[in-house]
Amino acid sequence: AEAMKICGGWGSRLIINDRVEVAA
């Protein structure tokens, strides 16, 4: 969740490794 905020602030995209439920 924190990584999503950081990436969003820079216009970057976050890929989650393995944990599909977290990505969803």
PDB file of all heavy atoms in Angstrom:
ATOM      1  N   ALA A   1       0.839  -1.202   0.000  1.00  0.00           N
ATOM      2  CA  ALA A   1       0.000   0.000   0.000  1.00  0.00           C
ATOM      3  C   ALA A   1       0.875   1.254   0.000  1.00  0.00           C
ATOM      4  O   ALA A   1       0.608   2.216  -0.733  1.00  0.00           O
ATOM      5  CB  ALA A   1      -0.938  -0.012   1.211  1.00  0.00           C
ATOM      6  N   GLU A   2       1.931   1.240   0.806  1.00  0.00           N
ATOM      7  CA  GLU A   2       2.857   2.375   0.848  1.00  0.00           C
ATOM      8  C   GLU A   2       3.615   2.498  -0.477  1.00  0.00           C
ATOM      9  O   GLU A   2       3.819   3.599  -0.995  1.00  0.00           O
ATOM     10  CB  GLU A   2       3.839   2.213   2.007  1.00  0.00           C
ATOM     11  CG  GLU A   2       4.744   3.398   2.226  1.00  0.00           C
ATOM     12  CD  GLU A   2       4.011   4.684   2.581  1.00  0.00           C
ATOM     13  OE1 GLU A   2       2.913   4.619   3.174  1.00  0.00           O
ATOM     14  OE2 GLU A   2       4.541   5.762   2.252  1.00  0.00           O
ATOM     15  N   ALA A   3       4.018   1.365  -1.035  1.00  0.00           N
ATOM     16  CA  ALA A   3       4.721   1.369  -2.322  1.00  0.00           C
ATOM     17  C   ALA A   3       3.834   1.937  -3.425  1.00  0.00           C
ATOM     18  O   ALA A   3       4.314   2.658  -4.304  1.00  0.00           O
ATOM     19  CB  ALA A   3       5.174  -0.045  -2.673  1.00  0.00           C
ATOM     20  N   MET A   4       2.547   1.613  -3.392  1.00  0.00           N
ATOM     21  CA  MET A   4       1.604   2.152  -4.382  1.00  0.00           C
ATOM     22  C   MET A   4       1.567   3.678  -4.313  1.00  0.00           C
ATOM     23  O   MET A   4       1.546   4.346  -5.342  1.00  0.00           O
ATOM     24  CB  MET A   4       0.201   1.596  -4.137  1.00  0.00           C
ATOM     25  CG  MET A   4       0.010   0.151  -4.531  1.00  0.00           C
ATOM     26  SD  MET A   4      -0.359  -0.090  -6.277  1.00  0.00           S
ATOM     27  CE  MET A   4      -1.942   0.709  -6.419  1.00  0.00           C
ATOM     28  N   LYS A   5       1.572   4.213  -3.105  1.00  0.00           N
ATOM     29  CA  LYS A   5       1.550   5.671  -2.939  1.00  0.00           C
ATOM     30  C   LYS A   5       2.813   6.303  -3.522  1.00  0.00           C
ATOM     31  O   LYS A   5       2.751   7.311  -4.225  1.00  0.00           O
ATOM     32  CB  LYS A   5       1.435   6.037  -1.456  1.00  0.00           C
ATOM     33  CG  LYS A   5       0.092   5.737  -0.845  1.00  0.00           C
ATOM     34  CD  LYS A   5       0.097   6.089   0.631  1.00  0.00           C
ATOM     35  CE  LYS A   5      -1.143   5.557   1.322  1.00  0.00           C
ATOM     36  NZ  LYS A   5      -1.066   5.710   2.785  1.00  0.00           N
ATOM     37  N   ILE A   6       3.953   5.707  -3.199  1.00  0.00           N
ATOM     38  CA  ILE A   6       5.222   6.245  -3.703  1.00  0.00           C
ATOM     39  C   ILE A   6       5.249   6.197  -5.228  1.00  0.00           C
ATOM     40  O   ILE A   6       5.560   7.188  -5.889  1.00  0.00           O
ATOM     41  CB  ILE A   6       6.415   5.470  -3.110  1.00  0.00           C
ATOM     42  CG1 ILE A   6       6.524   5.726  -1.599  1.00  0.00           C
ATOM     43  CG2 ILE A   6       7.720   5.868  -3.818  1.00  0.00           C
ATOM     44  CD1 ILE A   6       7.510   4.819  -0.887  1.00  0.00           C
ATOM     45  N   CYS A   7       4.924   5.037  -5.779  1.00  0.00           N
ATOM     46  CA  CYS A   7       4.941   4.891  -7.243  1.00  0.00           C
ATOM     47  C   CYS A   7       3.975   5.868  -7.907  1.00  0.00           C
ATOM     48  O   CYS A   7       4.307   6.506  -8.909  1.00  0.00           O
ATOM     49  CB  CYS A   7       4.599   3.448  -7.628  1.00  0.00           C
ATOM     50  SG  CYS A   7       5.906   2.265  -7.245  1.00  0.00           S
ATOM     51  N   GLY A   8       2.774   5.986  -7.340  1.00  0.00           N
ATOM     52  CA  GLY A   8       1.774   6.901  -7.895  1.00  0.00           C
ATOM     53  C   GLY A   8       2.256   8.334  -7.917  1.00  0.00           C
ATOM     54  O   GLY A   8       1.986   9.083  -8.862  1.00  0.00           O
ATOM     55  N   GLY A   9       2.991   8.722  -6.884  1.00  0.00           N
ATOM     56  CA  GLY A   9       3.509  10.085  -6.811  1.00  0.00           C
ATOM     57  C   GLY A   9       4.543  10.406  -7.878  1.00  0.00           C
ATOM     58  O   GLY A   9       4.741  11.567  -8.231  1.00  0.00           O
ATOM     59  N   TRP A  10       5.186   9.385  -8.400  1.00  0.00           N
ATOM     60  CA  TRP A  10       6.222   9.571  -9.417  1.00  0.00           C
ATOM     61  C   TRP A  10       5.759   9.163 -10.821  1.00  0.00           C
ATOM     62  O   TRP A  10       6.524   9.240 -11.778  1.00  0.00           O
ATOM     63  CB  TRP A  10       7.469   8.755  -9.059  1.00  0.00           C
ATOM     64  CG  TRP A  10       8.233   9.327  -7.915  1.00  0.00           C
ATOM     65  CD1 TRP A  10       8.115   9.001  -6.591  1.00  0.00           C
ATOM     66  CD2 TRP A  10       9.239  10.334  -7.982  1.00  0.00           C
ATOM     67  NE1 TRP A  10       8.991   9.745  -5.841  1.00  0.00           N
ATOM     68  CE2 TRP A  10       9.698  10.569  -6.665  1.00  0.00           C
ATOM     69  CE3 TRP A  10       9.810  11.057  -9.029  1.00  0.00           C
ATOM     70  CZ2 TRP A  10      10.685  11.499  -6.370  1.00  0.00           C
ATOM     71  CZ3 TRP A  10      10.811  11.977  -8.730  1.00  0.00           C
ATOM     72  CH2 TRP A  10      11.235  12.195  -7.420  1.00  0.00           C
ATOM     73  N   GLY A  11       4.539   8.688 -10.932  1.00  0.00           N
ATOM     74  CA  GLY A  11       4.054   8.218 -12.238  1.00  0.00           C
ATOM     75  C   GLY A  11       4.611   6.856 -12.610  1.00  0.00           C
ATOM     76  O   GLY A  11       4.635   6.484 -13.788  1.00  0.00           O
ATOM     77  N   SER A  12       5.049   6.094 -11.612  1.00  0.00           N
ATOM     78  CA  SER A  12       5.543   4.740 -11.855  1.00  0.00           C
ATOM     79  C   SER A  12       4.437   3.735 -11.579  1.00  0.00           C
ATOM     80  O   SER A  12       3.444   4.047 -10.917  1.00  0.00           O
ATOM     81  CB  SER A  12       6.745   4.444 -10.941  1.00  0.00           C
ATOM     82  OG  SER A  12       7.822   5.317 -11.237  1.00  0.00           O
ATOM     83  N   ARG A  13       4.605   2.518 -12.076  1.00  0.00           N
ATOM     84  CA  ARG A  13       3.603   1.461 -11.896  1.00  0.00           C
ATOM     85  C   ARG A  13       4.181   0.354 -11.038  1.00  0.00           C
ATOM     86  O   ARG A  13       5.353   0.009 -11.158  1.00  0.00           O
ATOM     87  CB  ARG A  13       3.191   0.892 -13.250  1.00  0.00           C
ATOM     88  CG  ARG A  13       2.738   1.929 -14.262  1.00  0.00           C
ATOM     89  CD  ARG A  13       1.416   2.568 -13.860  1.00  0.00           C
ATOM     90  NE  ARG A  13       1.026   3.612 -14.779  1.00  0.00           N
ATOM     91  CZ  ARG A  13       0.122   3.469 -15.723  1.00  0.00           C
ATOM     92  NH1 ARG A  13      -0.487   2.335 -15.890  1.00  0.00           N
ATOM     93  NH2 ARG A  13      -0.166   4.479 -16.514  1.00  0.00           N
ATOM     94  N   LEU A  14       3.335  -0.216 -10.179  1.00  0.00           N
ATOM     95  CA  LEU A  14       3.768  -1.261  -9.271  1.00  0.00           C
ATOM     96  C   LEU A  14       3.232  -2.621  -9.690  1.00  0.00           C
ATOM     97  O   LEU A  14       2.031  -2.798  -9.891  1.00  0.00           O
ATOM     98  CB  LEU A  14       3.302  -0.958  -7.842  1.00  0.00           C
ATOM     99  CG  LEU A  14       3.813  -1.921  -6.764  1.00  0.00           C
ATOM    100  CD1 LEU A  14       5.327  -1.762  -6.579  1.00  0.00           C
ATOM    101  CD2 LEU A  14       3.082  -1.686  -5.447  1.00  0.00           C
ATOM    102  N   ILE A  15       4.149  -3.565  -9.826  1.00  0.00           N
ATOM    103  CA  ILE A  15       3.828  -4.963 -10.068  1.00  0.00           C
ATOM    104  C   ILE A  15       4.069  -5.701  -8.753  1.00  0.00           C
ATOM    105  O   ILE A  15       5.108  -5.535  -8.130  1.00  0.00           O
ATOM    106  CB  ILE A  15       4.755  -5.565 -11.157  1.00  0.00           C
ATOM    107  CG1 ILE A  15       4.605  -4.831 -12.486  1.00  0.00           C
ATOM    108  CG2 ILE A  15       4.534  -7.060 -11.298  1.00  0.00           C
ATOM    109  CD1 ILE A  15       3.403  -5.186 -13.281  1.00  0.00           C
ATOM    110  N   ILE A  16       3.115  -6.521  -8.359  1.00  0.00           N
ATOM    111  CA  ILE A  16       3.239  -7.294  -7.126  1.00  0.00           C
ATOM    112  C   ILE A  16       3.766  -8.685  -7.466  1.00  0.00           C
ATOM    113  O   ILE A  16       3.256  -9.340  -8.378  1.00  0.00           O
ATOM    114  CB  ILE A  16       1.866  -7.426  -6.419  1.00  0.00           C
ATOM    115  CG1 ILE A  16       1.297  -6.048  -6.064  1.00  0.00           C
ATOM    116  CG2 ILE A  16       1.967  -8.328  -5.204  1.00  0.00           C
ATOM    117  CD1 ILE A  16       2.061  -5.282  -5.024  1.00  0.00           C
ATOM    118  N   ASN A  17       4.773  -9.133  -6.740  1.00  0.00           N
ATOM    119  CA  ASN A  17       5.330 -10.459  -6.977  1.00  0.00           C
ATOM    120  C   ASN A  17       4.512 -11.504  -6.223  1.00  0.00           C
ATOM    121  O   ASN A  17       4.338 -11.398  -5.004  1.00  0.00           O
ATOM    122  CB  ASN A  17       6.793 -10.486  -6.525  1.00  0.00           C
ATOM    123  CG  ASN A  17       7.467 -11.804  -6.837  1.00  0.00           C
ATOM    124  OD1 ASN A  17       7.486 -12.707  -6.027  1.00  0.00           O
ATOM    125  ND2 ASN A  17       8.007 -11.904  -8.036  1.00  0.00           N
ATOM    126  N   ASP A  18       4.019 -12.484  -6.948  1.00  0.00           N
ATOM    127  CA  ASP A  18       3.356 -13.679  -6.420  1.00  0.00           C
ATOM    128  C   ASP A  18       1.955 -13.478  -5.844  1.00  0.00           C
ATOM    129  O   ASP A  18       1.082 -14.293  -6.080  1.00  0.00           O
ATOM    130  CB  ASP A  18       4.174 -14.364  -5.307  1.00  0.00           C
ATOM    131  CG  ASP A  18       5.531 -14.838  -5.769  1.00  0.00           C
ATOM    132  OD1 ASP A  18       5.720 -14.976  -6.983  1.00  0.00           O
ATOM    133  OD2 ASP A  18       6.403 -15.057  -4.918  1.00  0.00           O
ATOM    134  N   ARG A  19       1.732 -12.462  -5.061  1.00  0.00           N
ATOM    135  CA  ARG A  19       0.506 -12.349  -4.259  1.00  0.00           C
ATOM    136  C   ARG A  19      -0.609 -11.650  -5.031  1.00  0.00           C
ATOM    137  O   ARG A  19      -0.825 -10.442  -4.915  1.00  0.00           O
ATOM    138  CB  ARG A  19       0.820 -11.653  -2.957  1.00  0.00           C
ATOM    139  CG  ARG A  19       1.949 -12.389  -2.211  1.00  0.00           C
ATOM    140  CD  ARG A  19       2.141 -11.875  -0.844  1.00  0.00           C
ATOM    141  NE  ARG A  19       3.411 -12.349  -0.300  1.00  0.00           N
ATOM    142  CZ  ARG A  19       3.661 -12.446   0.976  1.00  0.00           C
ATOM    143  NH1 ARG A  19       2.756 -12.129   1.861  1.00  0.00           N
ATOM    144  NH2 ARG A  19       4.840 -12.879   1.384  1.00  0.00           N
ATOM    145  N   VAL A  20      -1.319 -12.461  -5.795  1.00  0.00           N
ATOM    146  CA  VAL A  20      -2.372 -11.953  -6.673  1.00  0.00           C
ATOM    147  C   VAL A  20      -3.448 -11.237  -5.866  1.00  0.00           C
ATOM    148  O   VAL A  20      -3.976 -10.200  -6.289  1.00  0.00           O
ATOM    149  CB  VAL A  20      -2.987 -13.096  -7.513  1.00  0.00           C
ATOM    150  CG1 VAL A  20      -4.086 -12.584  -8.411  1.00  0.00           C
ATOM    151  CG2 VAL A  20      -1.910 -13.797  -8.325  1.00  0.00           C
ATOM    152  N   GLU A  21      -3.790 -11.791  -4.701  1.00  0.00           N
ATOM    153  CA  GLU A  21      -4.857 -11.193  -3.889  1.00  0.00           C
ATOM    154  C   GLU A  21      -4.482  -9.787  -3.425  1.00  0.00           C
ATOM    155  O   GLU A  21      -5.343  -8.899  -3.351  1.00  0.00           O
ATOM    156  CB  GLU A  21      -5.207 -12.090  -2.691  1.00  0.00           C
ATOM    157  CG  GLU A  21      -4.122 -12.245  -1.640  1.00  0.00           C
ATOM    158  CD  GLU A  21      -2.945 -13.142  -2.015  1.00  0.00           C
ATOM    159  OE1 GLU A  21      -3.009 -13.855  -3.045  1.00  0.00           O
ATOM    160  OE2 GLU A  21      -1.938 -13.127  -1.291  1.00  0.00           O
ATOM    161  N   VAL A  22      -3.210  -9.544  -3.144  1.00  0.00           N
ATOM    162  CA  VAL A  22      -2.754  -8.210  -2.748  1.00  0.00           C
ATOM    163  C   VAL A  22      -2.840  -7.267  -3.944  1.00  0.00           C
ATOM    164  O   VAL A  22      -3.318  -6.136  -3.826  1.00  0.00           O
ATOM    165  CB  VAL A  22      -1.319  -8.250  -2.177  1.00  0.00           C
ATOM    166  CG1 VAL A  22      -0.772  -6.834  -1.963  1.00  0.00           C
ATOM    167  CG2 VAL A  22      -1.279  -9.034  -0.881  1.00  0.00           C
ATOM    168  N   ALA A  23      -2.401  -7.735  -5.102  1.00  0.00           N
ATOM    169  CA  ALA A  23      -2.471  -6.915  -6.317  1.00  0.00           C
ATOM    170  C   ALA A  23      -3.908  -6.523  -6.617  1.00  0.00           C
ATOM    171  O   ALA A  23      -4.199  -5.369  -6.953  1.00  0.00           O
ATOM    172  CB  ALA A  23      -1.864  -7.674  -7.499  1.00  0.00           C
ATOM    173  N   ALA A  24      -4.833  -7.474  -6.465  1.00  0.00           N
ATOM    174  CA  ALA A  24      -6.250  -7.199  -6.729  1.00  0.00           C
ATOM    175  C   ALA A  24      -6.817  -6.224  -5.697  1.00  0.00           C
ATOM    176  O   ALA A  24      -7.528  -5.273  -6.054  1.00  0.00           O
ATOM    177  CB  ALA A  24      -7.037  -8.509  -6.719  1.00  0.00           C
TER     178      ALA A  24
END
